[in-house]
Protein backbone atom coordinates (compact mmCIF):
# COMPACT_ATOMS: atom_id res chain seq x y z
CA MET A 1 170.41 -16.84 -50.88
CA ILE A 2 174.05 -18.53 -51.63
CA GLY A 3 175.37 -17.12 -48.35
CA ILE A 4 172.51 -18.61 -46.11
CA ARG A 5 172.62 -22.07 -47.68
CA SER A 6 176.56 -22.27 -47.26
CA ALA A 7 175.99 -21.28 -43.62
CA LYS A 8 173.19 -23.96 -43.12
CA LYS A 9 175.66 -26.38 -44.63
CA ARG A 10 178.47 -25.22 -42.29
CA LEU A 11 175.99 -26.14 -39.51
CA GLN A 12 175.15 -29.68 -41.08
CA ASN A 13 178.94 -30.33 -40.92
CA ARG A 14 179.38 -29.42 -37.47
CA PHE A 15 176.77 -31.94 -36.20
CA THR A 16 178.77 -34.72 -38.31
CA ARG A 17 182.32 -34.08 -37.00
CA SER A 18 183.66 -36.18 -34.17
CA SER A 19 184.77 -35.32 -30.98
CA VAL A 20 188.29 -35.72 -32.01
CA GLN A 21 187.94 -33.38 -34.52
CA THR A 22 185.87 -30.56 -32.60
CA PRO A 23 188.28 -27.33 -31.75
CA PRO A 24 187.32 -25.08 -28.95
CA ALA A 25 184.19 -23.15 -29.52
CA ASP A 26 184.99 -19.38 -30.69
CA TYR A 27 183.56 -18.03 -27.53
CA GLU A 28 182.57 -19.44 -23.99
CA MET A 29 179.70 -17.62 -24.00
CA LEU A 30 177.23 -15.73 -26.60
CA ILE A 31 174.94 -13.21 -25.46
CA ILE A 32 172.06 -12.30 -27.65
CA GLY A 33 170.62 -8.90 -26.85
CA ALA A 34 172.62 -5.76 -25.63
CA GLY A 35 169.55 -4.52 -23.43
CA ILE A 36 169.57 -4.36 -19.63
CA ALA A 37 169.68 -8.07 -19.53
CA GLY A 38 172.64 -8.59 -22.08
CA ILE A 39 174.85 -5.75 -20.85
CA GLY A 40 174.22 -6.90 -16.98
CA MET A 41 175.48 -10.45 -18.14
CA ALA A 42 178.29 -9.32 -19.52
CA CYS A 43 179.41 -7.01 -16.64
CA ARG A 44 178.96 -9.97 -14.38
CA LEU A 45 181.13 -11.55 -16.28
CA GLN A 46 183.94 -9.16 -16.41
CA GLN A 47 183.83 -9.01 -12.87
CA GLN A 48 185.17 -12.70 -12.79
CA LYS A 49 188.76 -10.90 -13.66
CA GLY A 50 189.50 -13.10 -16.90
CA ASN A 51 188.08 -16.25 -15.12
CA LYS A 52 187.45 -18.63 -18.10
CA PHE A 53 184.78 -21.04 -17.05
CA PHE A 54 185.44 -23.62 -19.77
CA ALA A 55 188.90 -23.66 -19.78
CA SER A 56 189.27 -27.22 -18.41
CA ALA A 57 186.01 -28.58 -20.25
CA GLY A 58 188.50 -29.72 -23.13
CA ALA A 59 190.81 -31.90 -20.23
CA SER A 60 188.45 -34.89 -20.90
CA LYS A 61 188.04 -34.80 -24.68
CA PRO A 62 190.96 -36.42 -27.12
CA GLN A 63 193.92 -33.89 -27.37
CA HIS A 64 194.21 -32.12 -30.80
CA LYS A 65 197.52 -32.76 -32.77
CA HIS A 66 197.62 -29.28 -33.97
CA LYS A 67 197.69 -25.98 -31.95
CA THR A 68 194.12 -24.28 -31.93
CA LYS A 69 193.07 -20.70 -30.68
CA PRO A 70 191.37 -20.80 -27.28
CA SER A 71 187.95 -19.69 -26.93
CA LYS A 72 187.20 -16.15 -26.51
CA ARG A 73 185.35 -15.34 -23.14
CA PHE A 74 182.06 -13.77 -24.71
CA LEU A 75 180.49 -11.97 -27.60
CA ILE A 76 177.37 -9.93 -27.39
CA VAL A 77 175.15 -9.63 -30.73
CA GLU A 78 172.57 -7.01 -31.28
CA LYS A 79 170.40 -6.65 -34.28
CA ARG A 80 169.83 -3.19 -33.48
CA ALA A 81 172.18 -0.14 -34.26
CA ASP A 82 172.93 0.58 -30.56
CA LEU A 83 172.57 -0.80 -26.99
CA GLY A 84 169.85 -0.31 -24.72
CA GLY A 85 167.00 -2.56 -25.55
CA THR A 86 163.76 -1.41 -25.12
CA TRP A 87 165.23 1.98 -24.27
CA ASP A 88 166.99 2.30 -27.43
CA LEU A 89 163.73 1.20 -29.38
CA PHE A 90 160.94 3.19 -27.81
CA LYS A 91 161.25 7.21 -28.56
CA TYR A 92 157.45 8.33 -27.92
CA PRO A 93 157.20 11.46 -25.75
CA GLY A 94 157.46 10.95 -22.23
CA ILE A 95 159.08 7.14 -22.35
CA ARG A 96 159.95 6.29 -18.82
CA SER A 97 160.25 3.47 -16.39
CA ASP A 98 157.63 2.31 -14.49
CA SER A 99 160.10 1.29 -11.49
CA ASP A 100 162.00 3.21 -9.05
CA ALA A 101 165.39 4.02 -10.31
CA LEU A 102 167.26 2.66 -7.22
CA THR A 103 165.78 -0.91 -7.99
CA PHE A 104 165.82 -0.51 -11.88
CA GLY A 105 169.84 -0.12 -11.73
CA TYR A 106 172.26 -3.08 -11.01
CA SER A 107 172.91 -3.67 -7.80
CA PHE A 108 176.88 -3.80 -8.62
CA ARG A 109 176.80 -0.34 -9.97
CA PRO A 110 174.27 2.05 -7.88
CA TRP A 111 172.20 4.46 -9.78
CA LEU A 112 171.80 7.17 -7.24
CA ASP A 113 169.24 9.55 -8.89
CA ASN A 114 166.29 11.11 -6.88
CA ARG A 115 164.20 10.69 -9.70
CA MET A 116 161.51 8.12 -8.84
CA LEU A 117 160.79 7.41 -12.58
CA ALA A 118 163.84 7.65 -14.88
CA THR A 119 163.40 8.91 -18.36
CA GLY A 120 164.14 6.62 -21.10
CA GLU A 121 166.86 8.83 -22.27
CA SER A 122 168.73 8.35 -18.76
CA ILE A 123 168.19 4.68 -18.89
CA LYS A 124 169.75 4.36 -21.96
CA SER A 125 172.77 6.73 -20.76
CA TYR A 126 173.21 4.38 -17.40
CA ILE A 127 173.16 1.19 -19.56
CA ALA A 128 175.75 2.76 -21.69
CA ASP A 129 177.69 4.15 -18.93
CA THR A 130 177.57 0.69 -17.45
CA ALA A 131 178.72 -0.89 -20.64
CA ARG A 132 181.91 1.52 -20.79
CA GLU A 133 183.03 1.03 -17.19
CA PHE A 134 182.94 -2.40 -17.30
CA ASN A 135 184.58 -2.55 -20.95
CA VAL A 136 181.77 -4.51 -22.14
CA THR A 137 181.17 -2.13 -25.12
CA GLU A 138 184.26 -3.83 -27.37
CA HIS A 139 182.59 -6.93 -27.20
CA ILE A 140 179.41 -5.91 -28.69
CA ARG A 141 178.33 -6.55 -32.36
CA TYR A 142 175.58 -4.49 -33.60
CA ARG A 143 173.37 -5.14 -36.50
CA HIS A 144 174.38 -8.59 -35.96
CA GLU A 145 170.79 -11.25 -35.70
CA VAL A 146 170.69 -14.48 -34.49
CA GLN A 147 168.66 -16.46 -36.90
CA GLN A 148 169.38 -20.08 -35.65
CA LEU A 149 170.82 -21.66 -32.68
CA SER A 150 171.73 -25.56 -32.89
CA TRP A 151 173.09 -27.49 -30.27
CA SER A 152 175.21 -30.77 -31.14
CA SER A 153 175.74 -33.30 -28.17
CA THR A 154 178.73 -34.69 -30.11
CA THR A 155 180.61 -31.42 -30.04
CA GLN A 156 178.88 -30.16 -26.92
CA GLN A 157 178.71 -26.41 -28.27
CA TRP A 158 175.93 -24.32 -29.85
CA THR A 159 176.44 -22.97 -33.26
CA ALA A 160 174.62 -19.79 -34.31
CA MET A 161 173.78 -18.83 -37.65
CA ILE A 162 173.97 -15.24 -37.76
CA LYS A 163 173.16 -12.44 -40.44
CA ASN A 164 175.24 -9.28 -40.19
CA HIS A 165 172.58 -6.74 -41.42
CA SER A 166 175.25 -3.97 -42.40
CA SER A 167 177.12 -6.27 -45.12
CA GLY A 168 174.36 -9.05 -45.71
CA GLU A 169 176.68 -11.68 -45.01
CA VAL A 170 175.24 -15.00 -43.16
CA PHE A 171 178.19 -16.83 -40.98
CA THR A 172 178.29 -19.11 -38.04
CA LEU A 173 179.96 -19.07 -34.71
CA SER A 174 180.37 -21.67 -32.01
CA ALA A 175 179.74 -21.14 -28.00
CA ASN A 176 179.84 -23.17 -25.08
CA PHE A 177 177.11 -21.67 -23.53
CA VAL A 178 174.30 -18.98 -24.99
CA VAL A 179 172.31 -16.63 -22.75
CA GLY A 180 169.10 -15.36 -24.51
CA ALA A 181 168.83 -11.68 -23.04
CA THR A 182 166.51 -10.29 -25.64
CA GLY A 183 163.46 -9.69 -23.46
CA TYR A 184 160.30 -10.97 -24.58
CA TYR A 185 158.94 -9.06 -27.24
CA ASP A 186 159.14 -8.41 -30.87
CA TYR A 187 161.37 -5.55 -31.55
CA ASP A 188 160.36 -5.06 -35.00
CA GLN A 189 156.66 -4.86 -34.68
CA GLY A 190 154.15 -4.49 -31.86
CA TYR A 191 150.78 -5.75 -31.56
CA ARG A 192 148.70 -3.98 -34.10
CA PRO A 193 144.92 -5.14 -34.56
CA HIS A 194 143.21 -4.01 -37.60
CA PHE A 195 140.13 -2.02 -37.04
CA ALA A 196 137.39 -1.62 -39.16
CA GLY A 197 137.59 1.20 -41.78
CA GLU A 198 140.86 2.57 -41.05
CA GLU A 199 141.96 2.50 -44.68
CA GLN A 200 139.78 5.76 -45.26
CA PHE A 201 141.06 7.61 -42.20
CA GLU A 202 142.70 10.75 -43.57
CA GLY A 203 144.83 11.27 -40.91
CA ARG A 204 148.37 9.60 -39.77
CA ILE A 205 148.22 6.38 -37.59
CA VAL A 206 151.31 5.29 -35.57
CA HIS A 207 152.02 2.61 -33.07
CA PRO A 208 154.42 3.84 -29.74
CA GLN A 209 157.02 1.03 -30.87
CA HIS A 210 157.52 3.19 -34.36
CA TRP A 211 157.19 6.94 -33.21
CA VAL A 212 159.48 8.91 -35.48
CA ASP A 213 159.30 12.40 -36.14
CA VAL A 214 155.80 12.66 -35.54
CA ASP A 215 154.20 16.42 -35.83
CA TYR A 216 151.53 16.65 -33.18
CA ASP A 217 151.68 20.39 -32.30
CA ASP A 218 148.12 21.56 -32.03
CA LYS A 219 146.87 18.35 -33.34
CA LYS A 220 143.72 16.51 -32.00
CA ILE A 221 145.01 12.89 -31.02
CA VAL A 222 143.37 9.85 -30.03
CA ILE A 223 145.39 7.22 -27.91
CA ILE A 224 143.68 3.51 -28.23
CA GLY A 225 144.98 2.09 -24.88
CA SER A 226 144.87 2.13 -21.41
CA GLY A 227 148.20 0.84 -20.10
CA ALA A 228 151.37 2.19 -19.26
CA THR A 229 152.40 3.64 -22.55
CA ALA A 230 148.97 5.35 -23.13
CA MET A 231 149.15 6.99 -19.78
CA THR A 232 152.62 8.13 -20.33
CA LEU A 233 151.90 9.53 -23.60
CA LEU A 234 148.92 11.73 -22.66
CA PRO A 235 150.29 13.95 -20.27
CA ALA A 236 153.60 14.19 -22.46
CA LEU A 237 151.33 15.37 -25.49
CA VAL A 238 150.00 18.04 -23.90
CA ASP A 239 152.70 19.35 -22.17
CA GLU A 240 152.75 23.05 -22.61
CA ASP A 241 156.53 23.33 -21.60
CA SER A 242 157.69 20.99 -24.20
CA ASP A 243 158.40 21.75 -27.89
CA GLN A 244 155.43 20.60 -29.35
CA CYS A 245 151.80 20.65 -27.39
CA ALA A 246 148.73 18.88 -28.77
CA GLY A 247 145.51 20.79 -29.24
CA HIS A 248 143.61 18.08 -27.67
CA VAL A 249 144.27 14.29 -26.50
CA THR A 250 141.63 11.40 -26.05
CA MET A 251 142.54 8.27 -24.30
CA LEU A 252 140.05 5.79 -25.67
CA GLN A 253 140.22 2.78 -23.73
CA ARG A 254 137.96 -0.67 -24.12
CA SER A 255 138.29 -1.54 -20.46
CA PRO A 256 140.01 0.47 -17.26
CA THR A 257 143.34 -0.09 -15.93
CA TYR A 258 144.38 0.43 -12.01
CA VAL A 259 146.56 3.66 -11.85
CA ALA A 260 148.24 5.08 -8.83
CA SER A 261 150.29 8.17 -8.31
CA VAL A 262 153.89 8.16 -6.92
CA PRO A 263 156.27 11.30 -5.87
CA GLY A 264 158.27 12.08 -8.88
CA ASP A 265 161.59 12.66 -6.79
CA ASP A 266 162.67 10.65 -3.81
CA PRO A 267 165.06 13.35 -1.59
CA ALA A 268 165.68 10.14 1.00
CA LEU A 269 169.17 9.65 -0.56
CA ASP A 270 170.44 12.85 0.06
CA TRP A 271 168.99 12.97 3.71
CA LEU A 272 170.34 9.80 4.57
CA SER A 273 173.67 10.79 3.33
CA GLY A 274 173.85 14.58 4.08
CA LYS A 275 176.46 16.25 5.97
CA PHE A 276 175.04 15.37 9.70
CA SER A 277 174.23 11.50 8.40
CA PRO A 278 176.70 9.01 9.66
CA LEU A 279 176.02 7.01 6.62
CA SER A 280 177.68 7.16 3.14
CA LYS A 281 176.26 7.50 0.01
CA GLN A 282 176.52 3.68 -0.71
CA GLN A 283 175.19 2.77 2.72
CA ALA A 284 172.31 5.04 2.03
CA TYR A 285 171.73 3.40 -1.45
CA THR A 286 171.66 0.23 0.13
CA LEU A 287 169.01 1.00 2.77
CA LEU A 288 167.00 2.71 0.30
CA ARG A 289 167.03 0.08 -2.11
CA THR A 290 166.03 -2.37 0.31
CA ARG A 291 163.26 -0.20 1.34
CA ASN A 292 161.99 -0.29 -2.04
CA VAL A 293 162.25 -3.71 -2.76
CA LEU A 294 160.30 -4.46 0.62
CA MET A 295 157.57 -1.94 -0.45
CA GLN A 296 157.32 -3.38 -4.05
CA GLN A 297 156.88 -6.75 -2.59
CA GLY A 298 154.57 -5.58 0.19
CA VAL A 299 152.12 -3.82 -2.05
CA TYR A 300 152.04 -6.95 -4.24
CA GLN A 301 151.27 -9.46 -1.48
CA ALA A 302 148.65 -7.26 -0.18
CA ALA A 303 147.10 -7.01 -3.65
CA THR A 304 147.28 -10.90 -3.73
CA HIS A 305 145.65 -11.64 -0.44
CA ALA A 306 143.74 -8.47 0.27
CA PRO A 307 142.18 -7.53 -3.21
CA LYS A 308 139.31 -5.66 -1.78
CA MET A 309 141.38 -3.69 0.31
CA VAL A 310 143.74 -2.52 -2.21
CA LYS A 311 141.12 -2.01 -4.53
CA ALA A 312 139.43 0.55 -2.17
CA LEU A 313 142.48 2.04 -1.27
CA LEU A 314 143.41 2.59 -5.26
CA LYS A 315 139.88 3.78 -5.60
CA HIS A 316 139.93 6.33 -2.73
CA GLY A 317 143.42 7.91 -4.31
CA VAL A 318 142.15 8.19 -7.80
CA LYS A 319 138.62 9.82 -6.57
CA LYS A 320 141.16 12.15 -4.63
CA GLU A 321 143.08 13.02 -7.85
CA LEU A 322 139.94 13.40 -9.92
CA LYS A 323 137.98 15.55 -7.69
CA GLY A 324 136.88 18.74 -9.48
CA SER A 325 137.66 17.43 -13.07
CA GLY A 326 134.52 16.16 -13.99
CA VAL A 327 135.98 12.64 -15.31
CA ASP A 328 134.55 9.73 -13.69
CA VAL A 329 136.27 7.36 -11.11
CA ALA A 330 134.81 4.57 -12.89
CA HIS A 331 137.58 5.05 -16.07
CA PHE A 332 140.14 3.73 -13.58
CA MET A 333 138.15 1.06 -11.82
CA PRO A 334 138.81 -2.67 -13.50
CA SER A 335 136.58 -5.56 -12.90
CA TYR A 336 139.50 -7.65 -12.49
CA ASN A 337 141.83 -7.30 -9.00
CA PRO A 338 144.61 -5.29 -8.57
CA TRP A 339 147.88 -7.03 -10.20
CA ASP A 340 145.95 -9.66 -12.18
CA GLU A 341 147.32 -7.06 -15.02
CA ARG A 342 150.49 -4.57 -14.13
CA LEU A 343 149.67 -1.74 -11.86
CA CYS A 344 150.60 1.58 -13.62
CA ALA A 345 152.23 4.12 -11.82
CA VAL A 346 152.26 7.69 -12.77
CA PRO A 347 154.77 10.60 -11.20
CA ASP A 348 153.44 13.39 -9.27
CA SER A 349 149.85 12.77 -10.71
CA ASP A 350 150.90 14.08 -14.33
CA LEU A 351 148.11 11.90 -15.70
CA PHE A 352 145.43 13.36 -13.34
CA THR A 353 146.97 17.06 -13.82
CA ALA A 354 146.37 16.72 -17.70
CA LEU A 355 142.87 15.34 -17.45
CA HIS A 356 141.94 18.50 -15.11
CA SER A 357 142.96 20.66 -18.20
CA LYS A 358 140.68 21.34 -21.27
CA ARG A 359 143.37 19.42 -23.51
CA ALA A 360 142.73 15.95 -22.21
CA ASP A 361 140.10 13.47 -21.34
CA VAL A 362 139.45 9.83 -20.99
CA ILE A 363 136.57 7.66 -22.61
CA THR A 364 135.71 3.88 -22.24
CA ASP A 365 134.05 2.74 -25.07
CA GLN A 366 134.04 0.18 -28.10
CA ILE A 367 135.24 1.03 -31.61
CA SER A 368 132.88 0.48 -34.21
CA HIS A 369 134.86 1.67 -37.23
CA PHE A 370 137.39 4.34 -38.19
CA THR A 371 136.12 7.31 -40.31
CA LYS A 372 137.57 9.84 -42.57
CA THR A 373 137.96 12.18 -39.82
CA GLY A 374 138.49 10.03 -36.68
CA ILE A 375 136.67 6.93 -34.54
CA GLN A 376 132.94 5.84 -34.52
CA LEU A 377 132.07 4.36 -31.33
CA HIS A 378 129.55 1.64 -30.69
CA SER A 379 127.48 4.46 -28.09
CA GLY A 380 127.15 6.14 -31.31
CA ASN A 381 129.55 8.91 -30.05
CA HIS A 382 132.29 10.29 -32.63
CA ILE A 383 135.65 11.23 -31.82
CA GLU A 384 137.49 13.42 -33.97
CA ALA A 385 141.10 13.07 -34.62
CA ASP A 386 144.15 14.20 -36.89
CA ILE A 387 146.49 11.40 -35.34
CA ILE A 388 145.28 8.00 -33.87
CA VAL A 389 148.00 6.41 -31.79
CA THR A 390 147.61 2.59 -31.37
CA ALA A 391 148.83 1.90 -27.90
CA THR A 392 147.48 -1.59 -28.38
CA GLY A 393 150.37 -3.93 -26.79
CA LEU A 394 153.52 -5.70 -27.70
CA LYS A 395 153.93 -8.71 -29.78
CA LEU A 396 155.62 -11.36 -28.10
CA GLN A 397 158.98 -13.31 -29.37
CA LEU A 398 161.54 -15.12 -27.49
CA LEU A 399 165.44 -15.22 -28.44
CA GLY A 400 164.94 -12.40 -30.83
CA GLY A 401 162.96 -14.68 -33.22
CA ALA A 402 165.62 -17.21 -33.54
CA ASP A 403 164.91 -20.91 -34.50
CA LEU A 404 166.15 -23.51 -31.76
CA TYR A 405 167.43 -27.05 -32.66
CA ILE A 406 168.89 -29.86 -30.47
CA ASP A 407 170.79 -32.50 -32.57
CA GLY A 408 169.16 -31.35 -35.71
CA LYS A 409 165.46 -31.49 -34.07
CA SER A 410 163.29 -28.35 -34.06
CA ILE A 411 162.34 -27.01 -30.50
CA ASP A 412 159.21 -25.52 -29.61
CA VAL A 413 160.21 -23.28 -26.57
CA GLY A 414 156.40 -22.36 -25.90
CA ALA A 415 156.06 -26.25 -24.85
CA LEU A 416 158.80 -26.34 -22.32
CA MET A 417 158.76 -25.62 -18.76
CA THR A 418 161.12 -23.05 -17.21
CA TYR A 419 163.81 -24.13 -14.24
CA LYS A 420 164.15 -21.38 -11.75
CA ALA A 421 162.84 -18.87 -14.65
CA VAL A 422 166.50 -19.00 -15.89
CA MET A 423 166.77 -22.50 -17.86
CA LEU A 424 164.77 -24.11 -20.32
CA GLU A 425 163.62 -27.83 -19.90
CA GLY A 426 165.83 -30.36 -22.01
CA VAL A 427 167.74 -27.48 -23.56
CA PRO A 428 171.80 -27.86 -22.67
CA ASN A 429 173.91 -25.04 -22.01
CA MET A 430 171.51 -22.23 -22.31
CA ALA A 431 170.07 -19.39 -19.85
CA VAL A 432 167.19 -17.13 -20.81
CA LEU A 433 166.72 -14.22 -18.72
CA PHE A 434 163.44 -12.83 -17.66
CA GLY A 435 162.41 -10.02 -15.28
CA TYR A 436 159.64 -9.24 -12.98
CA THR A 437 156.60 -8.18 -13.97
CA ASN A 438 155.48 -7.07 -10.62
CA ALA A 439 158.57 -5.16 -9.69
CA SER A 440 161.72 -3.68 -10.99
CA TRP A 441 162.81 -5.88 -14.24
CA THR A 442 166.32 -5.50 -13.37
CA LEU A 443 165.79 -7.23 -9.78
CA LYS A 444 165.40 -10.77 -11.37
CA ILE A 445 167.83 -10.17 -14.09
CA ASP A 446 170.58 -9.31 -11.79
CA LEU A 447 169.71 -12.45 -9.44
CA ALA A 448 169.57 -14.52 -12.87
CA CYS A 449 172.92 -13.43 -14.05
CA GLN A 450 174.50 -14.00 -10.61
CA TYR A 451 173.14 -17.65 -10.76
CA VAL A 452 174.35 -17.95 -14.35
CA ILE A 453 178.04 -17.25 -13.11
CA ARG A 454 177.37 -19.63 -10.00
CA LEU A 455 176.41 -22.41 -12.31
CA LEU A 456 179.43 -21.71 -14.28
CA SER A 457 181.92 -21.72 -11.80
CA TYR A 458 180.39 -24.95 -10.31
CA MET A 459 180.83 -26.67 -13.91
CA LYS A 460 184.52 -25.52 -13.82
CA LYS A 461 185.18 -26.79 -10.50
CA HIS A 462 183.73 -30.18 -11.31
CA LYS A 463 185.07 -30.27 -14.73
CA TYR A 464 181.75 -30.50 -16.23
CA SER A 465 181.11 -29.49 -19.89
CA VAL A 466 177.17 -29.72 -20.04
CA VAL A 467 174.18 -29.03 -17.66
CA CYS A 468 170.81 -29.65 -18.53
CA ALA A 469 167.14 -29.26 -16.37
CA GLN A 470 165.60 -32.41 -16.58
CA SER A 471 161.85 -32.26 -15.64
CA LYS A 472 161.72 -36.30 -14.84
CA THR A 473 163.72 -37.73 -12.00
CA GLU A 474 163.36 -40.78 -9.74
CA GLN A 475 160.97 -38.49 -7.40
CA GLY A 476 158.57 -38.35 -10.29
CA GLN A 477 157.64 -36.12 -13.47
CA VAL A 478 157.09 -32.25 -13.00
CA GLN A 479 153.45 -31.49 -14.57
CA THR A 480 153.24 -28.61 -16.57
CA GLN A 481 150.99 -25.72 -15.72
CA PRO A 482 148.90 -23.00 -17.92
CA ASP A 483 150.83 -20.04 -16.31
CA THR A 484 153.64 -18.88 -18.27
CA VAL A 485 157.12 -17.85 -17.18
CA LEU A 486 155.61 -14.24 -16.97
CA GLY A 487 153.68 -15.72 -13.83
CA SER A 488 149.95 -15.19 -13.66
CA LEU A 489 149.64 -12.00 -15.39
CA SER A 490 146.58 -11.83 -17.31
CA ALA A 491 147.33 -8.87 -19.74
CA GLY A 492 146.26 -9.38 -23.16
CA TYR A 493 149.77 -9.70 -24.64
CA VAL A 494 150.33 -12.46 -22.40
CA LYS A 495 147.25 -13.92 -23.29
CA ARG A 496 148.00 -13.75 -26.94
CA ALA A 497 151.35 -15.25 -26.74
CA LYS A 498 150.43 -18.16 -24.25
CA ASP A 499 151.50 -20.68 -26.71
CA GLU A 500 155.00 -19.14 -27.51
CA LEU A 501 155.99 -18.59 -23.84
CA PRO A 502 157.76 -21.32 -21.76
CA LYS A 503 155.73 -22.70 -18.84
CA GLN A 504 155.74 -23.27 -15.04
CA GLY A 505 155.81 -26.79 -13.41
CA ASP A 506 153.71 -27.68 -10.36
CA ARG A 507 156.36 -27.55 -8.03
CA TYR A 508 159.74 -25.89 -6.67
CA PRO A 509 161.91 -25.27 -8.54
CA TRP A 510 159.72 -25.22 -11.85
CA GLN A 511 157.28 -22.68 -10.41
CA VAL A 512 157.78 -18.80 -10.91
CA THR A 513 156.78 -16.70 -7.66
CA ASN A 514 157.74 -13.31 -8.72
CA ASN A 515 158.91 -12.87 -5.13
CA TYR A 516 162.32 -11.22 -4.89
CA LEU A 517 163.03 -12.23 -1.27
CA SER A 518 162.43 -16.22 -2.06
CA ASP A 519 164.17 -15.95 -5.85
CA ARG A 520 167.42 -14.29 -3.86
CA ILE A 521 167.45 -17.33 -1.53
CA MET A 522 167.00 -19.82 -4.86
CA LEU A 523 169.40 -17.93 -6.92
CA LYS A 524 172.35 -16.82 -4.71
CA HIS A 525 172.09 -19.20 -1.64
CA ARG A 526 170.54 -22.80 -2.93
CA LYS A 527 173.21 -25.47 -3.97
CA ILE A 528 173.61 -25.59 -7.34
CA ALA A 529 173.40 -29.23 -7.72
CA ASP A 530 169.62 -30.88 -7.36
CA ASN A 531 167.49 -33.63 -8.83
CA TRP A 532 166.71 -31.48 -11.63
CA LEU A 533 170.12 -30.50 -13.32
CA ARG A 534 172.20 -33.16 -15.34
CA PHE A 535 175.85 -32.45 -15.49
CA THR A 536 178.25 -34.22 -17.97
CA HIS A 537 181.85 -34.22 -18.62
């Protein structure tokens, strides 16, 4: 407690210092999170060849009588013990991406993998290799949690209160710019509703976010859920070629989810860059990445503008996959339109292959209560279980749970609008990175990181110290819309956290389009200065 009180006192002292006494910030940029977004941001900084964006910012401030150490370029703080974010956290069997590897990888470091949906292990290795290649690893501080972020208009700096979980020490450091690269969910706990009677269940209950050393060999398992996690787990748990194989797995869903099978491998990269091809590996990668981006956008636009057609195509595909299995196609036909919630992709029909076996089935029903030996359903049926997996979704959280203050005033992030889905309304010198929900997460992250670099370069050129997005101009006030930064996605975890997520506005550039092509123009080619950004020296 003494360490925390002294840290807060140091925070208060920073607010009372005059600009004459303000030393350079400890770091030009503080990056929170060492997942795919944080590593991507750091690599983009490293590509600037030592360029110090805020090197000239102090020129407009009074000179110091005593020599002070210049700001270091950047620091990444990660509260987990290793990098990787999502891909370090989740350890459940079969964990994989739900987007193709060519677009899931960084544009500046091609992921030349024929595997369509990459495994969690390979994704983490790719992130780690990228960090090493760009000399980012040495800038990461693990088991360091940002508990509070405070902006001072007097010092024009952020002060972060950080806890070192290895030593227990609480300390502060300052930065000119902060990038929140923590994703949008709570890494400590997932969404876990309480089920009536669960205390009397004599088996094991496990959430996929906390899957550690689960012995499921020859066990009866019930997976509660119908999202990507459940559909990934089911075929993995009954894989007879793995070290363990469940005796039987039931996917118990309250309502269906759309699902489509995609090829497990894409040999096109080898074909286009083969011995008799005029294309290099890099050229083939660029061509195929563009193809995949256009396909992703095409499917999403088709689902948005012709939902009945896409729904019919999905139904036809599922019906074909389930033929002869005895499983009703209704288990995969939701009442909502495609892409109102995220469409699940399964590689090489592995989910449907599992449902053709005697080891797996799917049930659509409501849970009445848990019993000693399983789950009692509203329909009157009872499912026996040794293990119940609660694949019930995520609990959302921004900035890793850090409290946000501006000049001593607490800021409710959920009440703010998002500018270009990168900056927050009224919050100076901060970017919060969000990926796509309808395409590869990394596609949007990569664009956002490039935008941040462009923004900082513009500020350096014009000797600006502060940038802030304002929703009110001479042209009027942007009106807040109910949709969040995650778009119109109606998934349960988004609905539950609608008050915690930043919102969209009623016009460009405060709207979230989830369209890579328009975002590419907006973030890479539009002028930095506009009616909404306020710059100060």
